[in-house]
Amino acid sequence: MSAFRILGEKAEAATVSPLQASLQEFIRISLDAKQLHWNVRGREFKPLHEQLDALADSARRWSDEVAERIVALGQAADGSAAVVAATNYAAVPGGAIAAQEAVSYVAGSLAEVAKRVRGRLEPVGESDLVSQDLLIGILAELEKHLWMFTVQI
């Protein structure tokens, strides 16, 4: 715990919990995107392989930005494997996966995370506009990735 507080204790608690949930979801997106990136099969392999890599890169950047915000607010960010594995998130299909199955899985996962992040905007904004702004920027990118996957279904 930092001696200096950007927010008051109550606002900090109200802000960090939704940021922590978002951090875990973004880490999960990055891991799932890489798993699919390695194992996707089919005629659409090359462009989808590259698209999944771009999604993984974005999700890693989002994770880092959110984790750094949590730490700036005086709390510890938790992106441990055990915590991320416990997120309420559909498991990525194992092994080789057909391109269309991968696209459908990613589109569904991104839609669910976008819905959750959107639901956190108002509560976070009530306690910290800077953290809300961070989530808004990430959500815009996340929804762009979502659009680029859903048009392939």
Protein backbone atom coordinates (compact mmCIF):
# COMPACT_ATOMS: atom_id res chain seq x y z
CA MET A 1 0.00 0.00 0.00
CA SER A 2 1.36 3.37 -0.98
CA ALA A 3 1.61 6.20 1.56
CA PHE A 4 0.41 8.60 -1.16
CA ARG A 5 -3.14 8.12 -2.39
CA ILE A 6 -4.40 9.48 -5.68
CA LEU A 7 -7.98 8.70 -4.64
CA GLY A 8 -9.57 8.41 -1.24
CA GLU A 9 -9.78 4.94 0.25
CA LYS A 10 -13.44 4.42 -0.70
CA ALA A 11 -12.97 5.65 -4.30
CA GLU A 12 -9.82 3.56 -4.62
CA ALA A 13 -11.65 0.40 -3.59
CA ALA A 14 -14.54 1.16 -5.96
CA THR A 15 -12.12 1.69 -8.84
CA VAL A 16 -9.57 -1.08 -8.35
CA SER A 17 -11.99 -4.01 -8.22
CA PRO A 18 -13.43 -3.40 -11.72
CA LEU A 19 -9.95 -2.65 -13.06
CA GLN A 20 -8.69 -5.93 -11.59
CA ALA A 21 -11.53 -7.87 -13.24
CA SER A 22 -10.71 -6.19 -16.56
CA LEU A 23 -7.00 -6.99 -16.16
CA GLN A 24 -7.75 -10.68 -15.72
CA GLU A 25 -10.04 -10.74 -18.75
CA PHE A 26 -7.49 -8.97 -20.95
CA ILE A 27 -4.77 -11.43 -19.93
CA ARG A 28 -7.13 -14.29 -20.74
CA ILE A 29 -7.87 -12.78 -24.18
CA SER A 30 -4.14 -12.55 -24.93
CA LEU A 31 -3.51 -16.16 -23.88
CA ASP A 32 -6.51 -17.50 -25.78
CA ALA A 33 -5.60 -15.53 -28.91
CA LYS A 34 -2.09 -17.02 -28.89
CA GLN A 35 -3.45 -20.55 -28.31
CA LEU A 36 -5.73 -20.17 -31.32
CA HIS A 37 -2.99 -18.41 -33.33
CA TRP A 38 -0.80 -21.51 -33.02
CA ASN A 39 -3.53 -24.06 -33.71
CA VAL A 40 -5.89 -22.56 -36.30
CA ARG A 41 -6.33 -24.58 -39.49
CA GLY A 42 -8.05 -24.04 -42.83
CA ARG A 43 -8.06 -21.92 -45.96
CA GLU A 44 -8.23 -18.71 -43.90
CA PHE A 45 -5.15 -19.71 -41.89
CA LYS A 46 -2.71 -16.92 -42.83
CA PRO A 47 -4.94 -13.86 -42.37
CA LEU A 48 -6.58 -15.32 -39.26
CA HIS A 49 -3.18 -16.32 -37.83
CA GLU A 50 -2.06 -12.68 -38.23
CA GLN A 51 -5.35 -11.28 -36.90
CA LEU A 52 -5.08 -13.43 -33.76
CA ASP A 53 -1.52 -12.22 -33.24
CA ALA A 54 -2.69 -8.61 -33.48
CA LEU A 55 -5.44 -9.31 -30.95
CA ALA A 56 -2.93 -10.91 -28.56
CA ASP A 57 -0.65 -7.87 -28.87
CA SER A 58 -3.54 -5.49 -28.16
CA ALA A 59 -4.73 -7.50 -25.17
CA ARG A 60 -1.21 -7.61 -23.69
CA ARG A 61 -0.99 -3.82 -24.05
CA TRP A 62 -4.42 -3.38 -22.43
CA SER A 63 -3.34 -5.64 -19.58
CA ASP A 64 -0.21 -3.62 -19.00
CA GLU A 65 -2.05 -0.29 -19.06
CA VAL A 66 -4.69 -1.49 -16.60
CA ALA A 67 -2.13 -3.14 -14.29
CA GLU A 68 -0.08 0.06 -14.21
CA ARG A 69 -3.20 2.07 -13.36
CA ILE A 70 -4.00 -0.29 -10.48
CA VAL A 71 -0.47 0.13 -9.13
CA ALA A 72 -0.62 3.91 -9.62
CA LEU A 73 -3.74 3.86 -7.44
CA GLY A 74 -1.73 2.22 -4.67
CA GLN A 75 -2.85 -1.38 -5.03
CA ALA A 76 -1.12 -4.53 -6.28
CA ALA A 77 -2.19 -5.80 -9.70
CA ASP A 78 -2.91 -9.54 -9.79
CA GLY A 79 -2.42 -11.21 -13.14
CA SER A 80 -1.27 -14.54 -11.71
CA ALA A 81 -2.06 -17.71 -13.63
CA ALA A 82 -4.32 -19.02 -10.86
CA VAL A 83 -6.41 -15.84 -10.74
CA VAL A 84 -6.69 -15.59 -14.53
CA ALA A 85 -7.63 -19.28 -14.84
CA ALA A 86 -10.45 -18.72 -12.34
CA THR A 87 -12.14 -16.03 -14.47
CA ASN A 88 -15.70 -16.78 -15.55
CA TYR A 89 -14.83 -17.21 -19.20
CA ALA A 90 -15.47 -20.02 -21.70
CA ALA A 91 -12.40 -22.23 -22.12
CA VAL A 92 -10.57 -21.96 -25.42
CA PRO A 93 -10.98 -25.14 -27.48
CA GLY A 94 -7.88 -27.33 -27.25
CA GLY A 95 -5.81 -28.72 -30.10
CA ALA A 96 -6.19 -27.94 -33.78
CA ILE A 97 -9.20 -25.78 -34.53
CA ALA A 98 -10.97 -24.91 -37.78
CA ALA A 99 -10.76 -21.27 -38.77
CA GLN A 100 -14.51 -20.65 -38.53
CA GLU A 101 -14.70 -22.29 -35.12
CA ALA A 102 -11.84 -20.07 -33.93
CA VAL A 103 -13.53 -16.95 -35.31
CA SER A 104 -16.82 -17.84 -33.60
CA TYR A 105 -15.06 -18.51 -30.29
CA VAL A 106 -13.14 -15.21 -30.40
CA ALA A 107 -16.20 -13.20 -31.45
CA GLY A 108 -18.23 -14.66 -28.58
CA SER A 109 -15.47 -14.09 -26.04
CA LEU A 110 -14.83 -10.52 -27.15
CA ALA A 111 -18.55 -9.75 -27.10
CA GLU A 112 -18.81 -11.00 -23.51
CA VAL A 113 -15.76 -9.06 -22.33
CA ALA A 114 -16.91 -5.89 -24.13
CA LYS A 115 -20.28 -6.19 -22.39
CA ARG A 116 -18.58 -6.57 -19.01
CA VAL A 117 -16.19 -3.66 -19.57
CA ARG A 118 -19.07 -1.46 -20.79
CA GLY A 119 -20.94 -2.33 -17.60
CA ARG A 120 -17.98 -1.16 -15.52
CA LEU A 121 -17.72 2.27 -17.14
CA GLU A 122 -20.36 4.09 -15.11
CA PRO A 123 -19.36 2.71 -11.69
CA VAL A 124 -15.66 3.41 -12.37
CA GLY A 125 -16.51 6.91 -13.63
CA GLU A 126 -18.27 7.67 -10.36
CA SER A 127 -15.03 7.11 -8.48
CA ASP A 128 -12.25 7.90 -10.99
CA LEU A 129 -12.63 9.58 -14.37
CA VAL A 130 -9.03 8.78 -15.37
CA SER A 131 -9.59 5.04 -14.94
CA GLN A 132 -12.91 5.35 -16.76
CA ASP A 133 -11.15 7.10 -19.65
CA LEU A 134 -8.59 4.28 -19.78
CA LEU A 135 -11.37 1.68 -20.01
CA ILE A 136 -13.22 3.72 -22.66
CA GLY A 137 -10.12 3.78 -24.87
CA ILE A 138 -9.55 0.07 -24.44
CA LEU A 139 -13.23 -0.68 -25.08
CA ALA A 140 -13.08 1.20 -28.39
CA GLU A 141 -10.19 -1.00 -29.53
CA LEU A 142 -11.78 -4.16 -28.16
CA GLU A 143 -15.01 -3.43 -30.04
CA LYS A 144 -13.03 -2.82 -33.24
CA HIS A 145 -11.43 -6.25 -32.87
CA LEU A 146 -14.90 -7.67 -32.17
CA TRP A 147 -16.26 -6.12 -35.36
CA MET A 148 -13.34 -7.51 -37.39
CA PHE A 149 -14.04 -11.02 -36.13
CA THR A 150 -17.85 -10.91 -36.37
CA VAL A 151 -17.82 -9.88 -40.03
CA GLN A 152 -16.14 -13.21 -40.77
CA ILE A 153 -18.99 -15.31 -39.37
